[in-house]
Amino acid sequence: MIDNNLEFQDIIKDLINNDKVQEMKKFRQHCDTSCYDHCYTASRCSYKICKKLGWDYKSAARAAMLHDLFLYDWREKSDRKGFHAFTHPTTAKENASKLFQLSEKEKNIIETHMWPLTVQFPKYKEGLLLTFIDKYCAITESGKYVKKNLKSNAYFKYAYLLLGFIILSLNKWGKVVIVSIIRSSMF
């Protein structure tokens, strides 16, 4: 998954070589994607889009690489206060601030990446962009996981047919929907 763009690699080199950042590989974020891989993908996307738009691609890439630096399994019960989706941006910002010299922009990008769940709106366009990239990556990662399991599990492989028959029986548009499902699910 290493990006061959030398400028991008140079921007995040000190981050990805850090032992605590490497620990992100131990924690799953979405389905079977690690926090590290999720953040790396979000960082690469942020870099590319911001560079193309003439925005601050360095801050965007660095903040995106650190945006989920919470270092715990959010699926397990613990003594953490609050719901993970609402609290992990602050935890990530605090963890990243202990390890790296962050600009105010980078801190804000990390802390607001879960907007609108975090009430504070991003101050910077790069931060707003990360909110969308983060959701896009989460959906993509989850979709890959579902597709992989549909292909490998006989019980789920034909679940779309059952869903289609249910839709068919519910309304007159069911035929259009079932044909769409079958076409999009062909492997």
N, C-alpha and C. Protein backbone atom coordinates (compact mmCIF):
# COMPACT_ATOMS: atom_id res chain seq x y z
N MET A 1 0.81 -1.20 0.00
CA MET A 1 0.00 0.00 0.00
C MET A 1 0.86 1.27 0.00
N ILE A 2 2.15 1.14 0.02
CA ILE A 2 3.03 2.30 0.04
C ILE A 2 2.85 3.10 -1.25
N ASP A 3 2.63 4.38 -1.08
CA ASP A 3 2.49 5.29 -2.22
C ASP A 3 3.88 5.62 -2.72
N ASN A 4 4.07 5.61 -4.03
CA ASN A 4 5.39 5.87 -4.60
C ASN A 4 5.67 7.35 -4.84
N ASN A 5 4.76 8.23 -4.38
CA ASN A 5 4.97 9.66 -4.51
C ASN A 5 5.97 10.09 -3.43
N LEU A 6 7.17 10.48 -3.86
CA LEU A 6 8.23 10.81 -2.91
C LEU A 6 7.91 12.03 -2.06
N GLU A 7 7.24 13.02 -2.66
CA GLU A 7 6.88 14.21 -1.88
C GLU A 7 5.91 13.84 -0.76
N PHE A 8 4.89 13.06 -1.09
CA PHE A 8 3.94 12.61 -0.08
C PHE A 8 4.65 11.82 1.02
N GLN A 9 5.50 10.88 0.62
CA GLN A 9 6.23 10.06 1.61
C GLN A 9 7.10 10.93 2.51
N ASP A 10 7.72 11.96 1.95
CA ASP A 10 8.57 12.84 2.74
C ASP A 10 7.75 13.63 3.76
N ILE A 11 6.54 14.02 3.39
CA ILE A 11 5.68 14.81 4.29
C ILE A 11 5.28 14.01 5.52
N ILE A 12 5.02 12.72 5.34
CA ILE A 12 4.53 11.91 6.48
C ILE A 12 5.60 10.96 7.05
N LYS A 13 6.82 11.04 6.53
CA LYS A 13 7.88 10.10 6.92
C LYS A 13 8.08 10.05 8.43
N ASP A 14 8.21 11.20 9.09
CA ASP A 14 8.44 11.19 10.53
C ASP A 14 7.25 10.61 11.29
N LEU A 15 6.07 10.75 10.73
CA LEU A 15 4.87 10.22 11.39
C LEU A 15 4.84 8.69 11.29
N ILE A 16 5.00 8.17 10.08
CA ILE A 16 4.87 6.73 9.90
C ILE A 16 6.06 5.94 10.46
N ASN A 17 7.16 6.63 10.74
CA ASN A 17 8.30 5.96 11.36
C ASN A 17 8.24 5.98 12.88
N ASN A 18 7.22 6.60 13.43
CA ASN A 18 7.05 6.69 14.87
C ASN A 18 6.44 5.39 15.42
N ASP A 19 6.98 4.90 16.53
CA ASP A 19 6.50 3.64 17.12
C ASP A 19 5.03 3.69 17.51
N LYS A 20 4.57 4.80 18.06
CA LYS A 20 3.16 4.91 18.46
C LYS A 20 2.24 4.90 17.24
N VAL A 21 2.63 5.55 16.18
CA VAL A 21 1.85 5.53 14.94
C VAL A 21 1.83 4.11 14.38
N GLN A 22 2.95 3.42 14.45
CA GLN A 22 3.00 2.03 14.00
C GLN A 22 2.06 1.13 14.82
N GLU A 23 1.83 1.48 16.07
CA GLU A 23 0.89 0.72 16.92
C GLU A 23 -0.52 0.74 16.36
N MET A 24 -0.84 1.74 15.55
CA MET A 24 -2.17 1.81 14.95
C MET A 24 -2.48 0.57 14.11
N LYS A 25 -1.45 -0.14 13.68
CA LYS A 25 -1.64 -1.36 12.89
C LYS A 25 -2.28 -2.47 13.72
N LYS A 26 -2.19 -2.36 15.04
CA LYS A 26 -2.75 -3.39 15.93
C LYS A 26 -4.26 -3.26 16.13
N PHE A 27 -4.82 -2.13 15.73
CA PHE A 27 -6.24 -1.87 16.01
C PHE A 27 -7.04 -1.77 14.72
N ARG A 28 -8.17 -2.49 14.69
CA ARG A 28 -9.05 -2.42 13.54
C ARG A 28 -9.85 -1.13 13.61
N GLN A 29 -10.08 -0.53 12.46
CA GLN A 29 -10.93 0.65 12.40
C GLN A 29 -12.27 0.27 11.79
N HIS A 30 -12.30 0.00 10.50
CA HIS A 30 -13.53 -0.39 9.83
C HIS A 30 -13.38 -1.81 9.31
N CYS A 31 -14.19 -2.71 9.85
CA CYS A 31 -14.18 -4.13 9.47
C CYS A 31 -12.78 -4.70 9.67
N ASP A 32 -12.08 -5.08 8.60
CA ASP A 32 -10.75 -5.65 8.79
C ASP A 32 -9.62 -4.70 8.37
N THR A 33 -9.93 -3.43 8.25
CA THR A 33 -8.93 -2.41 7.92
C THR A 33 -8.36 -1.85 9.22
N SER A 34 -7.04 -1.81 9.32
CA SER A 34 -6.42 -1.27 10.54
C SER A 34 -6.56 0.25 10.59
N CYS A 35 -6.42 0.80 11.78
CA CYS A 35 -6.42 2.26 11.92
C CYS A 35 -5.31 2.88 11.08
N TYR A 36 -4.15 2.22 11.08
CA TYR A 36 -3.01 2.73 10.31
C TYR A 36 -3.35 2.79 8.82
N ASP A 37 -3.85 1.69 8.27
CA ASP A 37 -4.17 1.66 6.84
C ASP A 37 -5.26 2.66 6.49
N HIS A 38 -6.25 2.78 7.37
CA HIS A 38 -7.33 3.76 7.14
C HIS A 38 -6.76 5.18 7.10
N CYS A 39 -5.92 5.51 8.08
CA CYS A 39 -5.34 6.86 8.14
C CYS A 39 -4.38 7.11 6.97
N TYR A 40 -3.63 6.09 6.59
CA TYR A 40 -2.71 6.25 5.46
C TYR A 40 -3.50 6.55 4.18
N THR A 41 -4.58 5.83 3.96
CA THR A 41 -5.41 6.06 2.77
C THR A 41 -6.03 7.46 2.81
N ALA A 42 -6.54 7.87 3.97
CA ALA A 42 -7.12 9.20 4.12
C ALA A 42 -6.06 10.28 3.90
N SER A 43 -4.86 10.02 4.37
CA SER A 43 -3.75 10.96 4.19
C SER A 43 -3.39 11.11 2.72
N ARG A 44 -3.28 9.99 2.04
CA ARG A 44 -2.94 10.01 0.61
C ARG A 44 -4.01 10.75 -0.19
N CYS A 45 -5.28 10.49 0.12
CA CYS A 45 -6.38 11.19 -0.57
C CYS A 45 -6.34 12.68 -0.27
N SER A 46 -6.15 13.04 0.99
CA SER A 46 -6.09 14.45 1.37
C SER A 46 -4.96 15.16 0.65
N TYR A 47 -3.80 14.53 0.62
CA TYR A 47 -2.64 15.09 -0.08
C TYR A 47 -2.97 15.36 -1.54
N LYS A 48 -3.48 14.34 -2.23
CA LYS A 48 -3.74 14.46 -3.67
C LYS A 48 -4.77 15.54 -3.99
N ILE A 49 -5.87 15.54 -3.25
CA ILE A 49 -6.94 16.50 -3.53
C ILE A 49 -6.49 17.92 -3.20
N CYS A 50 -5.89 18.10 -2.03
CA CYS A 50 -5.44 19.45 -1.64
C CYS A 50 -4.35 19.97 -2.58
N LYS A 51 -3.46 19.11 -2.99
CA LYS A 51 -2.40 19.54 -3.92
C LYS A 51 -3.03 20.00 -5.23
N LYS A 52 -4.00 19.24 -5.72
CA LYS A 52 -4.66 19.59 -6.99
C LYS A 52 -5.42 20.92 -6.87
N LEU A 53 -6.00 21.18 -5.69
CA LEU A 53 -6.79 22.40 -5.49
C LEU A 53 -5.94 23.60 -5.06
N GLY A 54 -4.66 23.39 -4.80
CA GLY A 54 -3.79 24.48 -4.36
C GLY A 54 -3.98 24.82 -2.89
N TRP A 55 -4.46 23.86 -2.11
CA TRP A 55 -4.68 24.06 -0.67
C TRP A 55 -3.44 23.59 0.09
N ASP A 56 -3.49 23.67 1.40
CA ASP A 56 -2.38 23.29 2.27
C ASP A 56 -2.31 21.75 2.36
N TYR A 57 -1.69 21.15 1.38
CA TYR A 57 -1.64 19.68 1.30
C TYR A 57 -0.74 19.06 2.36
N LYS A 58 0.24 19.81 2.85
CA LYS A 58 1.13 19.26 3.88
C LYS A 58 0.37 19.09 5.20
N SER A 59 -0.30 20.13 5.64
CA SER A 59 -1.07 20.03 6.89
C SER A 59 -2.19 19.00 6.76
N ALA A 60 -2.81 18.98 5.60
CA ALA A 60 -3.91 18.03 5.37
C ALA A 60 -3.42 16.59 5.45
N ALA A 61 -2.31 16.31 4.79
CA ALA A 61 -1.77 14.94 4.78
C ALA A 61 -1.32 14.52 6.18
N ARG A 62 -0.65 15.42 6.88
CA ARG A 62 -0.16 15.08 8.23
C ARG A 62 -1.31 14.88 9.21
N ALA A 63 -2.27 15.77 9.18
CA ALA A 63 -3.42 15.63 10.09
C ALA A 63 -4.21 14.37 9.79
N ALA A 64 -4.40 14.07 8.52
CA ALA A 64 -5.15 12.87 8.14
C ALA A 64 -4.43 11.61 8.60
N MET A 65 -3.11 11.60 8.57
CA MET A 65 -2.36 10.43 9.02
C MET A 65 -2.53 10.21 10.52
N LEU A 66 -2.85 11.26 11.25
CA LEU A 66 -2.96 11.17 12.70
C LEU A 66 -4.40 11.23 13.21
N HIS A 67 -5.37 11.36 12.32
CA HIS A 67 -6.74 11.66 12.76
C HIS A 67 -7.40 10.57 13.60
N ASP A 68 -6.92 9.33 13.53
CA ASP A 68 -7.47 8.26 14.36
C ASP A 68 -6.41 7.63 15.26
N LEU A 69 -5.52 8.44 15.78
CA LEU A 69 -4.46 7.97 16.68
C LEU A 69 -5.01 7.84 18.11
N PHE A 70 -5.97 6.93 18.28
CA PHE A 70 -6.56 6.76 19.61
C PHE A 70 -6.01 5.55 20.35
N LEU A 71 -5.46 4.56 19.65
CA LEU A 71 -4.73 3.43 20.23
C LEU A 71 -5.51 2.60 21.25
N TYR A 72 -6.72 2.22 20.90
CA TYR A 72 -7.50 1.26 21.68
C TYR A 72 -8.51 0.61 20.74
N ASP A 73 -9.04 -0.52 21.18
CA ASP A 73 -10.07 -1.19 20.39
C ASP A 73 -11.41 -0.62 20.82
N TRP A 74 -12.02 0.19 19.98
CA TRP A 74 -13.25 0.87 20.35
C TRP A 74 -14.44 -0.08 20.45
N ARG A 75 -14.28 -1.32 20.01
CA ARG A 75 -15.36 -2.30 20.10
C ARG A 75 -15.45 -2.93 21.49
N GLU A 76 -14.37 -2.81 22.27
CA GLU A 76 -14.32 -3.41 23.60
C GLU A 76 -14.74 -2.41 24.66
N LYS A 77 -15.46 -2.93 25.66
CA LYS A 77 -15.85 -2.08 26.80
C LYS A 77 -14.61 -1.68 27.58
N SER A 78 -14.63 -0.48 28.11
CA SER A 78 -13.53 0.00 28.94
C SER A 78 -14.07 1.10 29.85
N ASP A 79 -13.17 1.73 30.57
CA ASP A 79 -13.58 2.81 31.45
C ASP A 79 -13.57 4.18 30.76
N ARG A 80 -13.45 4.16 29.42
CA ARG A 80 -13.48 5.43 28.67
C ARG A 80 -14.81 6.13 28.91
N LYS A 81 -14.75 7.43 28.97
CA LYS A 81 -15.96 8.23 29.12
C LYS A 81 -16.46 8.64 27.73
N GLY A 82 -17.76 8.52 27.52
CA GLY A 82 -18.35 8.97 26.27
C GLY A 82 -18.32 7.92 25.18
N PHE A 83 -19.07 8.19 24.13
CA PHE A 83 -19.19 7.31 22.98
C PHE A 83 -18.02 7.57 22.03
N HIS A 84 -17.37 6.51 21.58
CA HIS A 84 -16.15 6.60 20.77
C HIS A 84 -16.27 7.60 19.61
N ALA A 85 -17.36 7.52 18.86
CA ALA A 85 -17.50 8.38 17.67
C ALA A 85 -17.41 9.87 18.03
N PHE A 86 -17.84 10.22 19.23
CA PHE A 86 -17.84 11.61 19.67
C PHE A 86 -16.52 12.02 20.33
N THR A 87 -15.83 11.07 20.96
CA THR A 87 -14.68 11.42 21.78
C THR A 87 -13.32 11.14 21.15
N HIS A 88 -13.24 10.22 20.19
CA HIS A 88 -11.92 9.85 19.69
C HIS A 88 -11.17 10.96 18.96
N PRO A 89 -11.83 11.94 18.35
CA PRO A 89 -11.04 13.01 17.72
C PRO A 89 -10.19 13.80 18.74
N THR A 90 -10.75 14.05 19.90
CA THR A 90 -9.99 14.76 20.93
C THR A 90 -8.85 13.89 21.45
N THR A 91 -9.14 12.61 21.65
CA THR A 91 -8.09 11.67 22.09
C THR A 91 -6.97 11.62 21.06
N ALA A 92 -7.32 11.53 19.78
CA ALA A 92 -6.31 11.48 18.72
C ALA A 92 -5.48 12.76 18.70
N LYS A 93 -6.14 13.90 18.85
CA LYS A 93 -5.41 15.18 18.85
C LYS A 93 -4.45 15.24 20.04
N GLU A 94 -4.90 14.82 21.20
CA GLU A 94 -4.04 14.84 22.39
C GLU A 94 -2.85 13.90 22.23
N ASN A 95 -3.11 12.69 21.73
CA ASN A 95 -2.02 11.73 21.51
C ASN A 95 -1.02 12.26 20.50
N ALA A 96 -1.51 12.80 19.39
CA ALA A 96 -0.63 13.33 18.35
C ALA A 96 0.17 14.53 18.85
N SER A 97 -0.45 15.37 19.67
CA SER A 97 0.22 16.56 20.19
C SER A 97 1.36 16.19 21.14
N LYS A 98 1.23 15.08 21.81
CA LYS A 98 2.31 14.62 22.71
C LYS A 98 3.52 14.12 21.91
N LEU A 99 3.27 13.63 20.71
CA LEU A 99 4.33 13.02 19.91
C LEU A 99 4.98 13.95 18.89
N PHE A 100 4.19 14.92 18.40
CA PHE A 100 4.66 15.75 17.29
C PHE A 100 4.34 17.22 17.54
N GLN A 101 5.14 18.07 16.91
CA GLN A 101 4.89 19.51 16.93
C GLN A 101 3.82 19.79 15.87
N LEU A 102 2.58 19.99 16.30
CA LEU A 102 1.47 20.21 15.37
C LEU A 102 1.11 21.68 15.28
N SER A 103 0.74 22.10 14.10
CA SER A 103 0.23 23.47 13.93
C SER A 103 -1.21 23.52 14.45
N GLU A 104 -1.70 24.71 14.67
CA GLU A 104 -3.10 24.86 15.10
C GLU A 104 -4.05 24.30 14.04
N LYS A 105 -3.69 24.47 12.78
CA LYS A 105 -4.51 23.94 11.69
C LYS A 105 -4.59 22.42 11.77
N GLU A 106 -3.44 21.76 11.95
CA GLU A 106 -3.42 20.30 12.05
C GLU A 106 -4.23 19.82 13.24
N LYS A 107 -4.11 20.50 14.36
CA LYS A 107 -4.91 20.13 15.55
C LYS A 107 -6.40 20.25 15.26
N ASN A 108 -6.80 21.33 14.62
CA ASN A 108 -8.21 21.54 14.31
C ASN A 108 -8.72 20.50 13.31
N ILE A 109 -7.92 20.16 12.33
CA ILE A 109 -8.32 19.15 11.34
C ILE A 109 -8.58 17.82 12.04
N ILE A 110 -7.67 17.43 12.93
CA ILE A 110 -7.83 16.17 13.65
C ILE A 110 -9.07 16.21 14.55
N GLU A 111 -9.19 17.29 15.30
CA GLU A 111 -10.27 17.38 16.30
C GLU A 111 -11.67 17.49 15.69
N THR A 112 -11.77 17.97 14.48
CA THR A 112 -13.11 18.17 13.89
C THR A 112 -13.43 17.18 12.77
N HIS A 113 -12.60 16.15 12.59
CA HIS A 113 -12.82 15.25 11.45
C HIS A 113 -14.12 14.46 11.53
N MET A 114 -14.73 14.40 12.68
CA MET A 114 -16.00 13.67 12.81
C MET A 114 -17.22 14.60 12.76
N TRP A 115 -17.03 15.84 12.33
CA TRP A 115 -18.17 16.72 12.18
C TRP A 115 -19.18 16.04 11.24
N PRO A 116 -20.43 16.07 11.51
CA PRO A 116 -21.18 16.86 12.48
C PRO A 116 -21.33 16.21 13.86
N LEU A 117 -20.76 15.01 14.08
CA LEU A 117 -20.86 14.41 15.42
C LEU A 117 -20.13 15.26 16.45
N THR A 118 -18.99 15.79 16.05
CA THR A 118 -18.33 16.77 16.92
C THR A 118 -18.98 18.11 16.58
N VAL A 119 -19.51 18.75 17.54
CA VAL A 119 -20.31 19.95 17.31
C VAL A 119 -19.51 21.05 16.62
N GLN A 120 -18.23 21.15 16.95
CA GLN A 120 -17.38 22.20 16.38
C GLN A 120 -17.19 21.98 14.88
N PHE A 121 -17.52 22.98 14.09
CA PHE A 121 -17.33 22.94 12.65
C PHE A 121 -15.84 23.16 12.33
N PRO A 122 -15.28 22.46 11.36
CA PRO A 122 -13.87 22.68 11.01
C PRO A 122 -13.60 24.14 10.63
N LYS A 123 -12.49 24.69 11.13
CA LYS A 123 -12.11 26.07 10.81
C LYS A 123 -11.51 26.18 9.42
N TYR A 124 -10.99 25.09 8.90
CA TYR A 124 -10.23 25.12 7.66
C TYR A 124 -10.87 24.23 6.60
N LYS A 125 -10.74 24.65 5.36
CA LYS A 125 -11.31 23.85 4.26
C LYS A 125 -10.69 22.47 4.21
N GLU A 126 -9.41 22.35 4.58
CA GLU A 126 -8.75 21.06 4.60
C GLU A 126 -9.39 20.13 5.64
N GLY A 127 -9.86 20.73 6.73
CA GLY A 127 -10.55 19.95 7.77
C GLY A 127 -11.91 19.46 7.29
N LEU A 128 -12.63 20.32 6.61
CA LEU A 128 -13.92 19.91 6.07
C LEU A 128 -13.72 18.81 5.04
N LEU A 129 -12.69 18.94 4.23
CA LEU A 129 -12.39 17.91 3.25
C LEU A 129 -12.13 16.56 3.94
N LEU A 130 -11.37 16.57 5.04
CA LEU A 130 -11.09 15.31 5.74
C LEU A 130 -12.37 14.67 6.27
N THR A 131 -13.34 15.48 6.69
CA THR A 131 -14.60 14.89 7.16
C THR A 131 -15.23 14.05 6.06
N PHE A 132 -15.17 14.51 4.83
CA PHE A 132 -15.74 13.76 3.70
C PHE A 132 -14.85 12.58 3.29
N ILE A 133 -13.56 12.80 3.27
CA ILE A 133 -12.64 11.72 2.92
C ILE A 133 -12.75 10.59 3.93
N ASP A 134 -12.83 10.92 5.20
CA ASP A 134 -12.94 9.92 6.26
C ASP A 134 -14.18 9.05 6.06
N LYS A 135 -15.30 9.68 5.75
CA LYS A 135 -16.55 8.93 5.53
C LYS A 135 -16.44 8.09 4.25
N TYR A 136 -15.85 8.65 3.22
CA TYR A 136 -15.66 7.91 1.97
C TYR A 136 -14.80 6.67 2.20
N CYS A 137 -13.69 6.84 2.91
CA CYS A 137 -12.81 5.70 3.20
C CYS A 137 -13.53 4.64 4.03
N ALA A 138 -14.30 5.07 5.03
CA ALA A 138 -15.03 4.13 5.87
C ALA A 138 -16.03 3.31 5.04
N ILE A 139 -16.74 3.97 4.16
CA ILE A 139 -17.72 3.28 3.31
C ILE A 139 -17.00 2.33 2.35
N THR A 140 -15.91 2.77 1.76
CA THR A 140 -15.15 1.93 0.83
C THR A 140 -14.59 0.71 1.54
N GLU A 141 -14.00 0.91 2.72
CA GLU A 141 -13.42 -0.20 3.47
C GLU A 141 -14.50 -1.20 3.89
N SER A 142 -15.63 -0.71 4.32
CA SER A 142 -16.73 -1.59 4.72
C SER A 142 -17.29 -2.33 3.50
N GLY A 143 -17.40 -1.63 2.39
CA GLY A 143 -17.90 -2.25 1.16
C GLY A 143 -17.00 -3.38 0.68
N LYS A 144 -15.68 -3.18 0.74
CA LYS A 144 -14.74 -4.22 0.34
C LYS A 144 -14.90 -5.45 1.22
N TYR A 145 -15.08 -5.21 2.51
CA TYR A 145 -15.25 -6.31 3.46
C TYR A 145 -16.52 -7.11 3.15
N VAL A 146 -17.61 -6.40 2.91
CA VAL A 146 -18.88 -7.07 2.60
C VAL A 146 -18.76 -7.85 1.30
N LYS A 147 -18.18 -7.24 0.29
CA LYS A 147 -18.04 -7.91 -1.01
C LYS A 147 -17.18 -9.16 -0.88
N LYS A 148 -16.08 -9.06 -0.12
CA LYS A 148 -15.21 -10.22 0.09
C LYS A 148 -15.97 -11.35 0.77
N ASN A 149 -16.77 -11.00 1.77
CA ASN A 149 -17.53 -12.03 2.48
C ASN A 149 -18.67 -12.58 1.65
N LEU A 150 -19.25 -11.76 0.80
CA LEU A 150 -20.30 -12.28 -0.08
C LEU A 150 -19.72 -13.30 -1.04
N LYS A 151 -18.51 -13.06 -1.51
CA LYS A 151 -17.88 -13.99 -2.45
C LYS A 151 -17.47 -15.29 -1.78
N SER A 152 -17.06 -15.22 -0.52
CA SER A 152 -16.49 -16.39 0.14
C SER A 152 -17.47 -17.19 1.00
N ASN A 153 -18.62 -16.65 1.29
CA ASN A 153 -19.55 -17.33 2.18
C ASN A 153 -20.81 -17.73 1.41
N ALA A 154 -21.03 -19.03 1.31
CA ALA A 154 -22.15 -19.54 0.52
C ALA A 154 -23.49 -19.02 1.03
N TYR A 155 -23.63 -18.82 2.34
CA TYR A 155 -24.89 -18.35 2.90
C TYR A 155 -25.18 -16.91 2.48
N PHE A 156 -24.15 -16.10 2.40
CA PHE A 156 -24.33 -14.70 2.07
C PHE A 156 -24.28 -14.43 0.57
N LYS A 157 -23.65 -15.36 -0.15
CA LYS A 157 -23.42 -15.14 -1.57
C LYS A 157 -24.71 -14.85 -2.32
N TYR A 158 -25.78 -15.50 -1.94
CA TYR A 158 -27.04 -15.33 -2.64
C TYR A 158 -28.07 -14.55 -1.82
N ALA A 159 -27.60 -13.90 -0.77
CA ALA A 159 -28.50 -13.11 0.06
C ALA A 159 -29.18 -12.01 -0.74
N TYR A 160 -28.49 -11.48 -1.74
CA TYR A 160 -29.09 -10.43 -2.57
C TYR A 160 -30.32 -10.94 -3.31
N LEU A 161 -30.35 -12.24 -3.64
CA LEU A 161 -31.54 -12.80 -4.30
C LEU A 161 -32.74 -12.79 -3.36
N LEU A 162 -32.52 -13.21 -2.13
CA LEU A 162 -33.59 -13.19 -1.13
C LEU A 162 -34.09 -11.76 -0.94
N LEU A 163 -33.17 -10.83 -0.81
CA LEU A 163 -33.54 -9.43 -0.67
C LEU A 163 -34.35 -8.98 -1.87
N GLY A 164 -33.93 -9.38 -3.04
CA GLY A 164 -34.65 -9.02 -4.26
C GLY A 164 -36.06 -9.56 -4.29
N PHE A 165 -36.23 -10.80 -3.89
CA PHE A 165 -37.58 -11.37 -3.87
C PHE A 165 -38.47 -10.66 -2.86
N ILE A 166 -37.89 -10.26 -1.74
CA ILE A 166 -38.66 -9.50 -0.75
C ILE A 166 -39.09 -8.17 -1.34
N ILE A 167 -38.18 -7.49 -1.99
CA ILE A 167 -38.51 -6.20 -2.62
C ILE A 167 -39.56 -6.38 -3.70
N LEU A 168 -39.42 -7.44 -4.49
CA LEU A 168 -40.41 -7.72 -5.54
C LEU A 168 -41.81 -7.86 -4.96
N SER A 169 -41.89 -8.53 -3.84
CA SER A 169 -43.20 -8.77 -3.26
C SER A 169 -43.79 -7.52 -2.59
N LEU A 170 -42.97 -6.53 -2.33
CA LEU A 170 -43.45 -5.35 -1.60
C LEU A 170 -44.04 -4.25 -2.49
N ASN A 171 -43.53 -4.09 -3.69
CA ASN A 171 -44.03 -3.00 -4.51
C ASN A 171 -43.85 -3.23 -6.00
N LYS A 172 -44.48 -2.40 -6.80
CA LYS A 172 -44.43 -2.57 -8.25
C LYS A 172 -43.07 -2.23 -8.83
N TRP A 173 -42.25 -1.48 -8.09
CA TRP A 173 -40.91 -1.12 -8.57
C TRP A 173 -39.91 -2.21 -8.24
N GLY A 174 -40.36 -3.24 -7.58
CA GLY A 174 -39.48 -4.32 -7.16
C GLY A 174 -38.69 -4.94 -8.30
N LYS A 175 -39.33 -5.10 -9.47
CA LYS A 175 -38.65 -5.72 -10.60
C LYS A 175 -37.43 -4.90 -11.02
N VAL A 176 -37.57 -3.60 -11.06
CA VAL A 176 -36.45 -2.73 -11.43
C VAL A 176 -35.34 -2.84 -10.39
N VAL A 177 -35.74 -2.86 -9.12
CA VAL A 177 -34.76 -2.94 -8.05
C VAL A 177 -34.02 -4.27 -8.08
N ILE A 178 -34.75 -5.39 -8.24
CA ILE A 178 -34.10 -6.70 -8.23
C ILE A 178 -33.14 -6.85 -9.40
N VAL A 179 -33.51 -6.35 -10.57
CA VAL A 179 -32.61 -6.41 -11.72
C VAL A 179 -31.35 -5.60 -11.43
N SER A 180 -31.50 -4.44 -10.82
CA SER A 180 -30.34 -3.61 -10.46
C SER A 180 -29.44 -4.31 -9.46
N ILE A 181 -30.04 -4.95 -8.47
CA ILE A 181 -29.26 -5.66 -7.45
C ILE A 181 -28.48 -6.80 -8.08
N ILE A 182 -29.16 -7.57 -8.90
CA ILE A 182 -28.50 -8.72 -9.53
C ILE A 182 -27.36 -8.25 -10.44
N ARG A 183 -27.59 -7.23 -11.24
CA ARG A 183 -26.53 -6.73 -12.13
C ARG A 183 -25.33 -6.20 -11.36
N SER A 184 -25.60 -5.45 -10.28
CA SER A 184 -24.48 -4.87 -9.52
C SER A 184 -23.77 -5.92 -8.66
N SER A 185 -24.41 -7.05 -8.41
CA SER A 185 -23.81 -8.07 -7.56
C SER A 185 -23.13 -9.17 -8.34
N MET A 186 -23.15 -9.10 -9.63
CA MET A 186 -22.49 -10.14 -10.44
C MET A 186 -20.99 -10.04 -10.19
N PHE A 187 -20.40 -11.15 -9.90
CA PHE A 187 -18.98 -11.18 -9.59
C PHE A 187 -18.23 -11.59 -10.79
